[in-house]
Amino acid sequence: MGKLNRKQIAWRVAQDIPEGAYVNLGIGAPEMVANFVPENREVIIHSENGLLGMGPTPAPGEENPDLINAGKKPVTLIKGGSISHHTDSFAMIRGGHIDICVLGAFQVSQKGDLANWATLDNSRPPGVGGAMDLAVGAKDVFVITDHCTRDGQPKLLEECSYPLTGTGVVTRIYSDHAVIDVRDNSFIVREIADGISRLELNRITDASLVFSEDCSPMQTPKL
């Protein structure tokens, strides 16, 4: 199968979100996680623009212009969901009420440092949004990212070279090649995409990898 696409990564993240969790989804690929939460599992999805109880993407033609996520894409609201002021939404984040946030990343270090708001390219304006609040306010930080940049540079590193969003905050990484826990200043590989060897994964990671004893192939549907 080789490396996963964004939908498959989002599906894999959704399978790890436990019953009853309050989860914030960042802009970009993390938004897709809402579409893959198992039907029999109650997960309360939070969006920093003021939604609590966000549902999946609506069917074509059923969009409500008043219901959008932080990325300004149309979403639904589950039964019992609520809409709040932006300030109250951030109070939920800063108050430690979010169990998991799912964010994108430019870089992640083996210490769990997260860089996702600015690069060293001054031609592209930085945009932190609520990422800094989420990085320190959520109990667990899951990262969705490609394992390498478009020009093949590793994004999982010993030390981040970009400005940090938060230090020691990332608990788990879902890349297009693997599921990796960040623990004890190490990258612990839990799953590898089918067709990707351990040698290849080591080659494209600019840090040492530890393979868990129960490391297994990633099982995802074709999406």
N, C-alpha and C. Protein backbone atom coordinates (compact mmCIF):
# COMPACT_ATOMS: atom_id res chain seq x y z
N MET A 1 0.82 -1.21 0.00
CA MET A 1 0.00 0.00 0.00
C MET A 1 0.86 1.26 0.00
N GLY A 2 2.01 1.23 0.67
CA GLY A 2 2.86 2.41 0.72
C GLY A 2 2.30 3.46 1.66
N LYS A 3 2.77 4.70 1.48
CA LYS A 3 2.36 5.74 2.41
C LYS A 3 0.88 6.06 2.30
N LEU A 4 0.31 6.57 3.39
CA LEU A 4 -1.12 6.84 3.48
C LEU A 4 -1.44 8.22 2.91
N ASN A 5 -2.70 8.40 2.46
CA ASN A 5 -3.17 9.72 2.08
C ASN A 5 -3.79 10.41 3.30
N ARG A 6 -4.16 11.66 3.13
CA ARG A 6 -4.65 12.45 4.27
C ARG A 6 -5.93 11.86 4.88
N LYS A 7 -6.83 11.36 4.05
CA LYS A 7 -8.06 10.78 4.58
C LYS A 7 -7.76 9.54 5.43
N GLN A 8 -6.83 8.73 4.97
CA GLN A 8 -6.48 7.53 5.72
C GLN A 8 -5.82 7.88 7.05
N ILE A 9 -5.00 8.92 7.05
CA ILE A 9 -4.38 9.35 8.31
C ILE A 9 -5.47 9.85 9.26
N ALA A 10 -6.40 10.67 8.76
CA ALA A 10 -7.48 11.18 9.60
C ALA A 10 -8.32 10.03 10.15
N TRP A 11 -8.60 9.03 9.32
CA TRP A 11 -9.35 7.86 9.78
C TRP A 11 -8.61 7.18 10.92
N ARG A 12 -7.29 7.02 10.75
CA ARG A 12 -6.51 6.33 11.78
C ARG A 12 -6.53 7.10 13.11
N VAL A 13 -6.43 8.42 13.05
CA VAL A 13 -6.51 9.23 14.26
C VAL A 13 -7.85 9.01 14.96
N ALA A 14 -8.93 9.04 14.18
CA ALA A 14 -10.27 8.92 14.77
C ALA A 14 -10.45 7.63 15.55
N GLN A 15 -9.78 6.56 15.13
CA GLN A 15 -9.93 5.28 15.81
C GLN A 15 -9.32 5.31 17.22
N ASP A 16 -8.39 6.21 17.46
CA ASP A 16 -7.71 6.28 18.76
C ASP A 16 -8.37 7.23 19.74
N ILE A 17 -9.41 7.94 19.32
CA ILE A 17 -10.07 8.89 20.21
C ILE A 17 -11.08 8.13 21.07
N PRO A 18 -10.94 8.16 22.38
CA PRO A 18 -11.78 7.34 23.25
C PRO A 18 -13.19 7.90 23.44
N GLU A 19 -14.07 7.04 23.87
CA GLU A 19 -15.45 7.40 24.20
C GLU A 19 -15.47 8.55 25.20
N GLY A 20 -16.31 9.56 24.90
CA GLY A 20 -16.52 10.66 25.83
C GLY A 20 -15.46 11.75 25.79
N ALA A 21 -14.50 11.65 24.88
CA ALA A 21 -13.41 12.64 24.85
C ALA A 21 -13.89 13.97 24.25
N TYR A 22 -13.33 15.05 24.77
CA TYR A 22 -13.53 16.37 24.20
C TYR A 22 -12.30 16.67 23.34
N VAL A 23 -12.53 16.91 22.05
CA VAL A 23 -11.43 16.95 21.09
C VAL A 23 -11.50 18.21 20.23
N ASN A 24 -10.39 18.93 20.15
CA ASN A 24 -10.31 20.07 19.24
C ASN A 24 -9.59 19.65 17.98
N LEU A 25 -10.12 20.06 16.84
CA LEU A 25 -9.50 19.75 15.55
C LEU A 25 -8.95 21.02 14.92
N GLY A 26 -7.66 21.01 14.63
CA GLY A 26 -7.02 22.17 14.01
C GLY A 26 -7.38 22.30 12.54
N ILE A 27 -6.88 23.36 11.93
CA ILE A 27 -7.17 23.66 10.53
C ILE A 27 -6.35 22.75 9.61
N GLY A 28 -6.95 22.38 8.48
CA GLY A 28 -6.27 21.53 7.50
C GLY A 28 -6.67 20.08 7.66
N ALA A 29 -5.70 19.19 7.51
CA ALA A 29 -5.98 17.75 7.59
C ALA A 29 -6.69 17.34 8.87
N PRO A 30 -6.39 17.94 10.03
CA PRO A 30 -7.12 17.53 11.25
C PRO A 30 -8.63 17.67 11.15
N GLU A 31 -9.11 18.62 10.33
CA GLU A 31 -10.55 18.82 10.19
C GLU A 31 -11.25 17.54 9.74
N MET A 32 -10.57 16.71 8.95
CA MET A 32 -11.18 15.51 8.38
C MET A 32 -11.46 14.43 9.42
N VAL A 33 -10.83 14.54 10.59
CA VAL A 33 -11.04 13.52 11.63
C VAL A 33 -12.51 13.42 12.00
N ALA A 34 -13.23 14.53 11.96
CA ALA A 34 -14.66 14.54 12.32
C ALA A 34 -15.49 13.62 11.43
N ASN A 35 -15.02 13.37 10.22
CA ASN A 35 -15.77 12.52 9.29
C ASN A 35 -15.61 11.03 9.55
N PHE A 36 -14.66 10.67 10.43
CA PHE A 36 -14.33 9.25 10.59
C PHE A 36 -14.48 8.73 12.01
N VAL A 37 -15.10 9.51 12.89
CA VAL A 37 -15.36 9.02 14.25
C VAL A 37 -16.35 7.86 14.15
N PRO A 38 -16.05 6.70 14.75
CA PRO A 38 -16.97 5.56 14.68
C PRO A 38 -18.39 5.93 15.13
N GLU A 39 -19.39 5.43 14.42
CA GLU A 39 -20.78 5.82 14.66
C GLU A 39 -21.26 5.50 16.07
N ASN A 40 -20.75 4.45 16.66
CA ASN A 40 -21.21 4.04 17.99
C ASN A 40 -20.41 4.67 19.12
N ARG A 41 -19.57 5.66 18.81
CA ARG A 41 -18.72 6.29 19.82
C ARG A 41 -19.09 7.75 19.98
N GLU A 42 -19.34 8.17 21.22
CA GLU A 42 -19.66 9.57 21.48
C GLU A 42 -18.36 10.34 21.73
N VAL A 43 -18.07 11.26 20.81
CA VAL A 43 -16.91 12.14 20.92
C VAL A 43 -17.42 13.56 20.74
N ILE A 44 -17.06 14.45 21.66
CA ILE A 44 -17.51 15.84 21.59
C ILE A 44 -16.39 16.66 20.94
N ILE A 45 -16.65 17.12 19.71
CA ILE A 45 -15.63 17.85 18.96
C ILE A 45 -15.80 19.36 19.15
N HIS A 46 -14.71 20.01 19.48
CA HIS A 46 -14.68 21.44 19.75
C HIS A 46 -13.95 22.16 18.62
N SER A 47 -14.47 23.31 18.23
CA SER A 47 -13.80 24.14 17.23
C SER A 47 -13.57 25.51 17.86
N GLU A 48 -12.36 26.05 17.70
CA GLU A 48 -11.99 27.25 18.44
C GLU A 48 -12.83 28.47 18.09
N ASN A 49 -13.56 28.43 16.96
CA ASN A 49 -14.41 29.57 16.62
C ASN A 49 -15.76 29.53 17.34
N GLY A 50 -15.95 28.56 18.24
CA GLY A 50 -17.12 28.61 19.11
C GLY A 50 -18.12 27.48 18.99
N LEU A 51 -17.73 26.36 18.39
CA LEU A 51 -18.63 25.21 18.30
C LEU A 51 -18.20 24.14 19.29
N LEU A 52 -19.18 23.57 19.98
CA LEU A 52 -18.94 22.42 20.86
C LEU A 52 -20.00 21.39 20.50
N GLY A 53 -19.53 20.26 19.96
CA GLY A 53 -20.46 19.26 19.44
C GLY A 53 -20.52 19.34 17.93
N MET A 54 -19.37 19.61 17.31
CA MET A 54 -19.28 19.70 15.86
C MET A 54 -19.39 18.31 15.25
N GLY A 55 -20.16 18.21 14.17
CA GLY A 55 -20.34 16.95 13.47
C GLY A 55 -19.55 16.91 12.18
N PRO A 56 -19.78 15.89 11.36
CA PRO A 56 -19.03 15.74 10.10
C PRO A 56 -19.45 16.76 9.05
N THR A 57 -18.77 16.71 7.92
CA THR A 57 -19.08 17.58 6.79
C THR A 57 -20.49 17.29 6.29
N PRO A 58 -21.31 18.32 6.02
CA PRO A 58 -22.67 18.08 5.53
C PRO A 58 -22.67 17.55 4.11
N ALA A 59 -23.76 16.91 3.73
CA ALA A 59 -23.93 16.44 2.36
C ALA A 59 -24.04 17.65 1.43
N PRO A 60 -23.61 17.51 0.18
CA PRO A 60 -23.72 18.63 -0.78
C PRO A 60 -25.14 19.15 -0.85
N GLY A 61 -25.29 20.46 -0.76
CA GLY A 61 -26.60 21.09 -0.80
C GLY A 61 -27.23 21.28 0.56
N GLU A 62 -26.64 20.70 1.60
CA GLU A 62 -27.20 20.82 2.95
C GLU A 62 -26.33 21.70 3.85
N GLU A 63 -25.42 22.47 3.26
CA GLU A 63 -24.55 23.34 4.04
C GLU A 63 -25.35 24.47 4.69
N ASN A 64 -24.96 24.82 5.90
CA ASN A 64 -25.53 25.96 6.62
C ASN A 64 -24.44 27.01 6.75
N PRO A 65 -24.59 28.19 6.15
CA PRO A 65 -23.52 29.20 6.19
C PRO A 65 -23.18 29.67 7.59
N ASP A 66 -24.04 29.41 8.55
CA ASP A 66 -23.77 29.80 9.94
C ASP A 66 -23.00 28.73 10.70
N LEU A 67 -22.78 27.58 10.08
CA LEU A 67 -22.06 26.49 10.75
C LEU A 67 -20.78 26.21 9.97
N ILE A 68 -19.69 26.75 10.46
CA ILE A 68 -18.38 26.53 9.84
C ILE A 68 -17.36 26.21 10.94
N ASN A 69 -16.29 25.52 10.55
CA ASN A 69 -15.24 25.23 11.52
C ASN A 69 -14.18 26.33 11.50
N ALA A 70 -13.08 26.12 12.22
CA ALA A 70 -12.04 27.15 12.31
C ALA A 70 -11.38 27.42 10.96
N GLY A 71 -11.47 26.44 10.04
CA GLY A 71 -10.91 26.62 8.71
C GLY A 71 -11.93 27.18 7.72
N LYS A 72 -13.08 27.63 8.24
CA LYS A 72 -14.15 28.24 7.45
C LYS A 72 -14.80 27.26 6.48
N LYS A 73 -14.76 25.98 6.81
CA LYS A 73 -15.41 24.95 5.99
C LYS A 73 -16.74 24.57 6.62
N PRO A 74 -17.76 24.24 5.82
CA PRO A 74 -19.07 23.90 6.38
C PRO A 74 -19.03 22.60 7.19
N VAL A 75 -19.72 22.62 8.32
CA VAL A 75 -19.80 21.44 9.19
C VAL A 75 -21.24 21.29 9.66
N THR A 76 -21.47 20.28 10.47
CA THR A 76 -22.78 20.07 11.09
C THR A 76 -22.63 20.20 12.60
N LEU A 77 -23.76 20.23 13.29
CA LEU A 77 -23.79 20.28 14.74
C LEU A 77 -24.59 19.09 15.23
N ILE A 78 -24.00 18.28 16.12
CA ILE A 78 -24.71 17.10 16.61
C ILE A 78 -25.80 17.50 17.59
N LYS A 79 -26.70 16.60 17.87
CA LYS A 79 -27.78 16.85 18.83
C LYS A 79 -27.16 17.18 20.18
N GLY A 80 -27.59 18.30 20.76
CA GLY A 80 -27.03 18.74 22.04
C GLY A 80 -25.83 19.65 21.90
N GLY A 81 -25.39 19.89 20.67
CA GLY A 81 -24.25 20.77 20.44
C GLY A 81 -24.59 22.22 20.77
N SER A 82 -23.57 23.04 20.92
CA SER A 82 -23.79 24.43 21.31
C SER A 82 -22.85 25.36 20.55
N ILE A 83 -23.21 26.63 20.53
CA ILE A 83 -22.42 27.68 19.90
C ILE A 83 -22.11 28.73 20.95
N SER A 84 -20.85 29.13 21.04
CA SER A 84 -20.45 30.10 22.06
C SER A 84 -19.64 31.23 21.45
N HIS A 85 -19.42 32.26 22.25
CA HIS A 85 -18.56 33.37 21.86
C HIS A 85 -17.12 32.85 21.74
N HIS A 86 -16.36 33.48 20.85
CA HIS A 86 -14.96 33.08 20.65
C HIS A 86 -14.18 33.10 21.98
N THR A 87 -14.45 34.10 22.80
CA THR A 87 -13.75 34.23 24.08
C THR A 87 -14.05 33.04 24.99
N ASP A 88 -15.31 32.62 25.04
CA ASP A 88 -15.68 31.47 25.86
C ASP A 88 -15.06 30.19 25.31
N SER A 89 -14.96 30.11 23.99
CA SER A 89 -14.35 28.94 23.37
C SER A 89 -12.89 28.81 23.81
N PHE A 90 -12.17 29.93 23.84
CA PHE A 90 -10.77 29.89 24.27
C PHE A 90 -10.65 29.66 25.77
N ALA A 91 -11.67 30.04 26.53
CA ALA A 91 -11.66 29.74 27.97
C ALA A 91 -11.73 28.23 28.19
N MET A 92 -12.45 27.53 27.32
CA MET A 92 -12.49 26.06 27.42
C MET A 92 -11.10 25.48 27.18
N ILE A 93 -10.39 26.04 26.20
CA ILE A 93 -9.04 25.55 25.88
C ILE A 93 -8.08 25.87 27.01
N ARG A 94 -8.05 27.13 27.41
CA ARG A 94 -7.08 27.57 28.43
C ARG A 94 -7.41 27.01 29.80
N GLY A 95 -8.65 26.62 30.01
CA GLY A 95 -9.06 26.08 31.30
C GLY A 95 -8.77 24.60 31.46
N GLY A 96 -8.16 23.98 30.44
CA GLY A 96 -7.80 22.58 30.53
C GLY A 96 -8.95 21.61 30.33
N HIS A 97 -9.99 22.04 29.59
CA HIS A 97 -11.16 21.20 29.40
C HIS A 97 -11.12 20.36 28.13
N ILE A 98 -10.07 20.50 27.33
CA ILE A 98 -9.94 19.73 26.09
C ILE A 98 -9.03 18.53 26.35
N ASP A 99 -9.54 17.33 26.08
CA ASP A 99 -8.76 16.12 26.32
C ASP A 99 -7.67 15.94 25.27
N ILE A 100 -8.03 16.14 24.00
CA ILE A 100 -7.10 15.92 22.89
C ILE A 100 -7.25 17.05 21.89
N CYS A 101 -6.15 17.56 21.39
CA CYS A 101 -6.23 18.41 20.21
C CYS A 101 -5.43 17.75 19.09
N VAL A 102 -5.90 17.90 17.87
CA VAL A 102 -5.24 17.33 16.70
C VAL A 102 -4.77 18.50 15.84
N LEU A 103 -3.46 18.59 15.65
CA LEU A 103 -2.86 19.73 14.95
C LEU A 103 -1.95 19.27 13.82
N GLY A 104 -1.75 20.13 12.84
CA GLY A 104 -0.73 19.90 11.84
C GLY A 104 0.62 20.39 12.36
N ALA A 105 1.70 20.10 11.62
CA ALA A 105 3.02 20.50 12.09
C ALA A 105 3.97 20.71 10.94
N PHE A 106 4.87 21.69 11.10
CA PHE A 106 6.02 21.82 10.21
C PHE A 106 7.14 20.91 10.67
N GLN A 107 7.33 20.85 12.00
CA GLN A 107 8.37 20.02 12.59
C GLN A 107 7.93 19.54 13.97
N VAL A 108 8.43 18.36 14.35
CA VAL A 108 8.26 17.84 15.71
C VAL A 108 9.60 17.27 16.15
N SER A 109 10.02 17.59 17.37
CA SER A 109 11.28 17.04 17.88
C SER A 109 11.01 15.80 18.72
N GLN A 110 12.07 15.02 18.96
CA GLN A 110 11.92 13.80 19.74
C GLN A 110 11.62 14.09 21.21
N LYS A 111 11.74 15.36 21.61
CA LYS A 111 11.36 15.77 22.96
C LYS A 111 9.88 16.17 23.02
N GLY A 112 9.21 16.14 21.87
CA GLY A 112 7.81 16.54 21.83
C GLY A 112 7.59 18.01 21.56
N ASP A 113 8.66 18.72 21.18
CA ASP A 113 8.51 20.13 20.82
C ASP A 113 7.74 20.23 19.50
N LEU A 114 6.86 21.21 19.41
CA LEU A 114 6.02 21.40 18.23
C LEU A 114 6.32 22.73 17.57
N ALA A 115 6.54 22.70 16.26
CA ALA A 115 6.69 23.92 15.46
C ALA A 115 5.66 23.87 14.35
N ASN A 116 4.64 24.72 14.43
CA ASN A 116 3.60 24.66 13.41
C ASN A 116 3.02 26.02 13.03
N TRP A 117 3.72 27.10 13.38
CA TRP A 117 3.13 28.41 13.07
C TRP A 117 4.00 29.29 12.19
N ALA A 118 5.28 28.99 12.09
CA ALA A 118 6.16 29.83 11.26
C ALA A 118 7.35 29.01 10.80
N THR A 119 7.83 29.31 9.61
CA THR A 119 9.06 28.72 9.09
C THR A 119 10.12 29.82 9.05
N LEU A 120 11.24 29.55 8.42
CA LEU A 120 12.27 30.58 8.26
C LEU A 120 12.14 31.31 6.92
N ASP A 121 11.04 31.03 6.21
CA ASP A 121 10.79 31.67 4.91
C ASP A 121 9.98 32.94 5.15
N ASN A 122 10.63 34.08 5.09
CA ASN A 122 9.97 35.35 5.38
C ASN A 122 9.01 35.79 4.29
N SER A 123 9.00 35.09 3.15
CA SER A 123 8.06 35.45 2.09
C SER A 123 6.66 34.91 2.39
N ARG A 124 6.57 34.01 3.38
CA ARG A 124 5.26 33.46 3.76
C ARG A 124 4.95 33.93 5.17
N PRO A 125 3.88 34.73 5.34
CA PRO A 125 3.57 35.27 6.67
C PRO A 125 3.18 34.15 7.63
N PRO A 126 3.66 34.23 8.89
CA PRO A 126 3.29 33.21 9.87
C PRO A 126 1.85 33.38 10.33
N GLY A 127 1.27 32.32 10.88
CA GLY A 127 -0.09 32.40 11.39
C GLY A 127 -0.29 31.41 12.51
N VAL A 128 -0.22 31.88 13.75
CA VAL A 128 -0.28 30.96 14.89
C VAL A 128 -1.71 30.56 15.23
N GLY A 129 -2.69 31.45 14.99
CA GLY A 129 -4.07 31.11 15.36
C GLY A 129 -4.16 30.76 16.83
N GLY A 130 -4.86 29.66 17.13
CA GLY A 130 -4.99 29.23 18.52
C GLY A 130 -4.07 28.10 18.88
N ALA A 131 -3.08 27.81 18.02
CA ALA A 131 -2.24 26.63 18.23
C ALA A 131 -1.46 26.68 19.54
N MET A 132 -0.95 27.85 19.91
CA MET A 132 -0.19 27.94 21.15
C MET A 132 -1.07 27.64 22.36
N ASP A 133 -2.30 28.16 22.35
CA ASP A 133 -3.23 27.88 23.45
C ASP A 133 -3.56 26.39 23.52
N LEU A 134 -3.78 25.78 22.35
CA LEU A 134 -4.12 24.36 22.31
C LEU A 134 -2.94 23.49 22.74
N ALA A 135 -1.75 23.87 22.32
CA ALA A 135 -0.57 23.07 22.63
C ALA A 135 -0.34 22.94 24.13
N VAL A 136 -0.65 23.99 24.87
CA VAL A 136 -0.44 23.94 26.32
C VAL A 136 -1.72 23.67 27.10
N GLY A 137 -2.87 23.87 26.45
CA GLY A 137 -4.14 23.71 27.17
C GLY A 137 -4.74 22.33 27.09
N ALA A 138 -4.47 21.61 25.99
CA ALA A 138 -5.03 20.26 25.83
C ALA A 138 -4.20 19.25 26.61
N LYS A 139 -4.88 18.20 27.08
CA LYS A 139 -4.17 17.18 27.87
C LYS A 139 -3.26 16.32 26.99
N ASP A 140 -3.66 16.07 25.75
CA ASP A 140 -2.83 15.33 24.81
C ASP A 140 -2.84 16.06 23.48
N VAL A 141 -1.70 16.08 22.81
CA VAL A 141 -1.58 16.70 21.50
C VAL A 141 -1.22 15.63 20.47
N PHE A 142 -2.13 15.39 19.53
CA PHE A 142 -1.88 14.49 18.42
C PHE A 142 -1.52 15.33 17.20
N VAL A 143 -0.52 14.91 16.46
CA VAL A 143 -0.08 15.64 15.27
C VAL A 143 -0.33 14.81 14.02
N ILE A 144 -0.94 15.43 13.01
CA ILE A 144 -1.06 14.86 11.67
C ILE A 144 -0.06 15.57 10.78
N THR A 145 0.81 14.81 10.11
CA THR A 145 1.81 15.45 9.25
C THR A 145 2.33 14.47 8.21
N ASP A 146 2.80 15.00 7.09
CA ASP A 146 3.60 14.18 6.19
C ASP A 146 4.94 13.93 6.89
N HIS A 147 5.52 12.79 6.64
CA HIS A 147 6.78 12.46 7.31
C HIS A 147 7.92 13.36 6.83
N CYS A 148 7.83 13.82 5.57
CA CYS A 148 8.85 14.70 4.99
C CYS A 148 8.19 15.87 4.28
N THR A 149 8.96 16.90 4.03
CA THR A 149 8.48 18.04 3.26
C THR A 149 8.38 17.65 1.79
N ARG A 150 7.87 18.55 0.98
CA ARG A 150 7.73 18.27 -0.45
C ARG A 150 9.08 18.04 -1.13
N ASP A 151 10.13 18.65 -0.58
CA ASP A 151 11.46 18.43 -1.18
C ASP A 151 12.25 17.36 -0.44
N GLY A 152 11.55 16.54 0.36
CA GLY A 152 12.17 15.37 0.95
C GLY A 152 12.91 15.58 2.25
N GLN A 153 12.76 16.74 2.88
CA GLN A 153 13.43 16.99 4.15
C GLN A 153 12.62 16.42 5.32
N PRO A 154 13.28 15.75 6.27
CA PRO A 154 12.55 15.17 7.41
C PRO A 154 11.85 16.24 8.24
N LYS A 155 10.68 15.89 8.75
CA LYS A 155 9.93 16.79 9.63
C LYS A 155 9.97 16.32 11.08
N LEU A 156 10.46 15.09 11.29
CA LEU A 156 10.65 14.56 12.63
C LEU A 156 12.15 14.61 12.93
N LEU A 157 12.51 15.41 13.94
CA LEU A 157 13.90 15.79 14.14
C LEU A 157 14.36 15.62 15.58
N GLU A 158 15.68 15.63 15.76
CA GLU A 158 16.22 15.69 17.12
C GLU A 158 15.86 17.03 17.76
N GLU A 159 16.03 18.11 17.01
CA GLU A 159 15.71 19.46 17.48
C GLU A 159 15.01 20.21 16.36
N CYS A 160 13.96 20.95 16.70
CA CYS A 160 13.28 21.77 15.71
C CYS A 160 14.15 22.98 15.35
N SER A 161 14.15 23.36 14.08
CA SER A 161 14.87 24.55 13.64
C SER A 161 13.93 25.74 13.45
N TYR A 162 12.63 25.49 13.44
CA TYR A 162 11.65 26.56 13.27
C TYR A 162 11.21 27.08 14.65
N PRO A 163 10.61 28.27 14.71
CA PRO A 163 10.09 28.80 15.97
C PRO A 163 9.07 27.83 16.59
N LEU A 164 9.19 27.63 17.90
CA LEU A 164 8.34 26.64 18.56
C LEU A 164 6.95 27.19 18.90
N THR A 165 5.98 26.30 18.79
CA THR A 165 4.62 26.58 19.25
C THR A 165 4.50 26.19 20.72
N GLY A 166 5.12 25.08 21.09
CA GLY A 166 5.11 24.61 22.47
C GLY A 166 6.25 23.63 22.68
N THR A 167 6.75 23.54 23.90
CA THR A 167 7.85 22.63 24.20
C THR A 167 7.34 21.40 24.95
N GLY A 168 7.75 20.23 24.47
CA GLY A 168 7.40 18.98 25.14
C GLY A 168 5.92 18.69 25.19
N VAL A 169 5.17 19.10 24.18
CA VAL A 169 3.71 18.99 24.24
C VAL A 169 3.14 17.83 23.42
N VAL A 170 3.84 17.38 22.39
CA VAL A 170 3.30 16.36 21.48
C VAL A 170 3.37 14.98 22.13
N THR A 171 2.26 14.27 22.10
CA THR A 171 2.22 12.92 22.68
C THR A 171 2.20 11.83 21.61
N ARG A 172 1.64 12.13 20.44
CA ARG A 172 1.57 11.11 19.39
C ARG A 172 1.58 11.76 18.01
N ILE A 173 2.24 11.11 17.07
CA ILE A 173 2.34 11.60 15.69
C ILE A 173 1.73 10.58 14.75
N TYR A 174 0.89 11.06 13.84
CA TYR A 174 0.32 10.23 12.78
C TYR A 174 0.84 10.78 11.46
N SER A 175 1.80 10.10 10.87
CA SER A 175 2.35 10.56 9.59
C SER A 175 1.83 9.67 8.47
N ASP A 176 2.20 10.00 7.24
CA ASP A 176 1.80 9.17 6.12
C ASP A 176 2.60 7.88 6.06
N HIS A 177 3.55 7.71 7.01
CA HIS A 177 4.36 6.49 7.06
C HIS A 177 4.19 5.68 8.34
N ALA A 178 3.76 6.31 9.44
CA ALA A 178 3.78 5.59 10.71
C ALA A 178 2.95 6.28 11.78
N VAL A 179 2.64 5.51 12.83
CA VAL A 179 2.09 6.05 14.08
C VAL A 179 3.21 6.00 15.10
N ILE A 180 3.53 7.15 15.69
CA ILE A 180 4.70 7.26 16.56
C ILE A 180 4.33 7.97 17.85
N ASP A 181 4.62 7.34 18.98
CA ASP A 181 4.46 7.98 20.27
C ASP A 181 5.72 8.77 20.61
N VAL A 182 5.54 9.87 21.33
CA VAL A 182 6.68 10.64 21.82
C VAL A 182 6.74 10.46 23.33
N ARG A 183 7.77 9.77 23.79
CA ARG A 183 7.87 9.42 25.20
C ARG A 183 9.33 9.33 25.62
N ASP A 184 9.64 9.86 26.78
CA ASP A 184 11.01 9.80 27.32
C ASP A 184 12.04 10.32 26.31
N ASN A 185 11.72 11.44 25.68
CA ASN A 185 12.62 12.08 24.70
C ASN A 185 12.97 11.15 23.53
N SER A 186 12.01 10.31 23.15
CA SER A 186 12.25 9.36 22.06
C SER A 186 11.02 9.24 21.18
N PHE A 187 11.25 8.88 19.92
CA PHE A 187 10.17 8.52 18.99
C PHE A 187 9.97 7.00 19.09
N ILE A 188 8.80 6.58 19.56
CA ILE A 188 8.48 5.16 19.70
C ILE A 188 7.52 4.76 18.59
N VAL A 189 7.98 3.96 17.65
CA VAL A 189 7.16 3.57 16.50
C VAL A 189 6.20 2.46 16.91
N ARG A 190 4.90 2.72 16.76
CA ARG A 190 3.87 1.74 17.12
C ARG A 190 3.35 0.99 15.89
N GLU A 191 3.23 1.71 14.77
CA GLU A 191 2.71 1.11 13.54
C GLU A 191 3.46 1.70 12.35
N ILE A 192 3.62 0.89 11.30
CA ILE A 192 4.26 1.34 10.06
C ILE A 192 3.32 1.05 8.90
N ALA A 193 3.24 1.99 7.97
CA ALA A 193 2.42 1.78 6.78
C ALA A 193 2.90 0.54 6.03
N ASP A 194 1.97 -0.24 5.54
CA ASP A 194 2.30 -1.46 4.81
C ASP A 194 3.18 -1.13 3.61
N GLY A 195 4.28 -1.83 3.47
CA GLY A 195 5.19 -1.59 2.35
C GLY A 195 6.34 -0.65 2.68
N ILE A 196 6.33 -0.06 3.88
CA ILE A 196 7.42 0.81 4.32
C ILE A 196 8.30 0.00 5.28
N SER A 197 9.57 -0.09 4.99
CA SER A 197 10.48 -0.87 5.85
C SER A 197 10.99 -0.02 7.01
N ARG A 198 11.50 -0.69 8.03
CA ARG A 198 12.10 0.01 9.15
C ARG A 198 13.33 0.80 8.70
N LEU A 199 14.06 0.25 7.77
CA LEU A 199 15.24 0.94 7.23
C LEU A 199 14.84 2.24 6.55
N GLU A 200 13.77 2.20 5.75
CA GLU A 200 13.31 3.39 5.06
C GLU A 200 12.81 4.43 6.06
N LEU A 201 12.08 3.98 7.08
CA LEU A 201 11.57 4.92 8.08
C LEU A 201 12.72 5.61 8.82
N ASN A 202 13.74 4.84 9.15
CA ASN A 202 14.93 5.44 9.78
C ASN A 202 15.59 6.45 8.86
N ARG A 203 15.64 6.15 7.56
CA ARG A 203 16.33 7.02 6.61
C ARG A 203 15.67 8.38 6.49
N ILE A 204 14.35 8.43 6.60
CA ILE A 204 13.62 9.69 6.40
C ILE A 204 13.28 10.39 7.71
N THR A 205 13.88 9.92 8.81
CA THR A 205 13.67 10.54 10.12
C THR A 205 15.01 11.05 10.63
N ASP A 206 15.07 12.33 10.98
CA ASP A 206 16.33 12.92 11.43
C ASP A 206 16.45 12.84 12.95
N ALA A 207 16.22 11.63 13.46
CA ALA A 207 16.34 11.34 14.89
C ALA A 207 16.29 9.83 15.03
N SER A 208 16.74 9.33 16.17
CA SER A 208 16.72 7.88 16.39
C SER A 208 15.29 7.40 16.63
N LEU A 209 14.97 6.22 16.11
CA LEU A 209 13.67 5.61 16.30
C LEU A 209 13.80 4.39 17.20
N VAL A 210 12.80 4.20 18.06
CA VAL A 210 12.69 2.99 18.86
C VAL A 210 11.43 2.27 18.42
N PHE A 211 11.56 1.02 18.00
CA PHE A 211 10.40 0.27 17.53
C PHE A 211 9.83 -0.53 18.70
N SER A 212 8.55 -0.31 18.99
CA SER A 212 7.91 -1.01 20.10
C SER A 212 7.87 -2.51 19.83
N GLU A 213 7.82 -3.29 20.89
CA GLU A 213 7.82 -4.75 20.74
C GLU A 213 6.62 -5.24 19.94
N ASP A 214 5.50 -4.52 20.05
CA ASP A 214 4.29 -4.93 19.33
C ASP A 214 4.06 -4.07 18.08
N CYS A 215 5.12 -3.48 17.54
CA CYS A 215 5.00 -2.66 16.32
C CYS A 215 4.37 -3.51 15.21
N SER A 216 3.36 -2.94 14.54
CA SER A 216 2.58 -3.70 13.55
C SER A 216 2.28 -2.84 12.33
N PRO A 217 1.83 -3.46 11.23
CA PRO A 217 1.44 -2.69 10.05
C PRO A 217 0.18 -1.85 10.34
N MET A 218 0.12 -0.64 9.77
CA MET A 218 -1.06 0.20 9.91
C MET A 218 -2.20 -0.39 9.10
N GLN A 219 -3.36 -0.50 9.74
CA GLN A 219 -4.53 -1.07 9.08
C GLN A 219 -5.53 0.06 8.81
N THR A 220 -5.67 0.46 7.56
CA THR A 220 -6.61 1.51 7.20
C THR A 220 -7.40 1.10 5.96
N PRO A 221 -8.63 1.59 5.83
CA PRO A 221 -9.40 1.29 4.61
C PRO A 221 -8.91 2.11 3.43
N LYS A 222 -9.34 1.73 2.24
CA LYS A 222 -9.02 2.52 1.05
C LYS A 222 -9.96 3.70 1.00
N LEU A 223 -9.40 4.89 1.06
CA LEU A 223 -10.22 6.12 1.11
C LEU A 223 -9.73 7.09 0.05
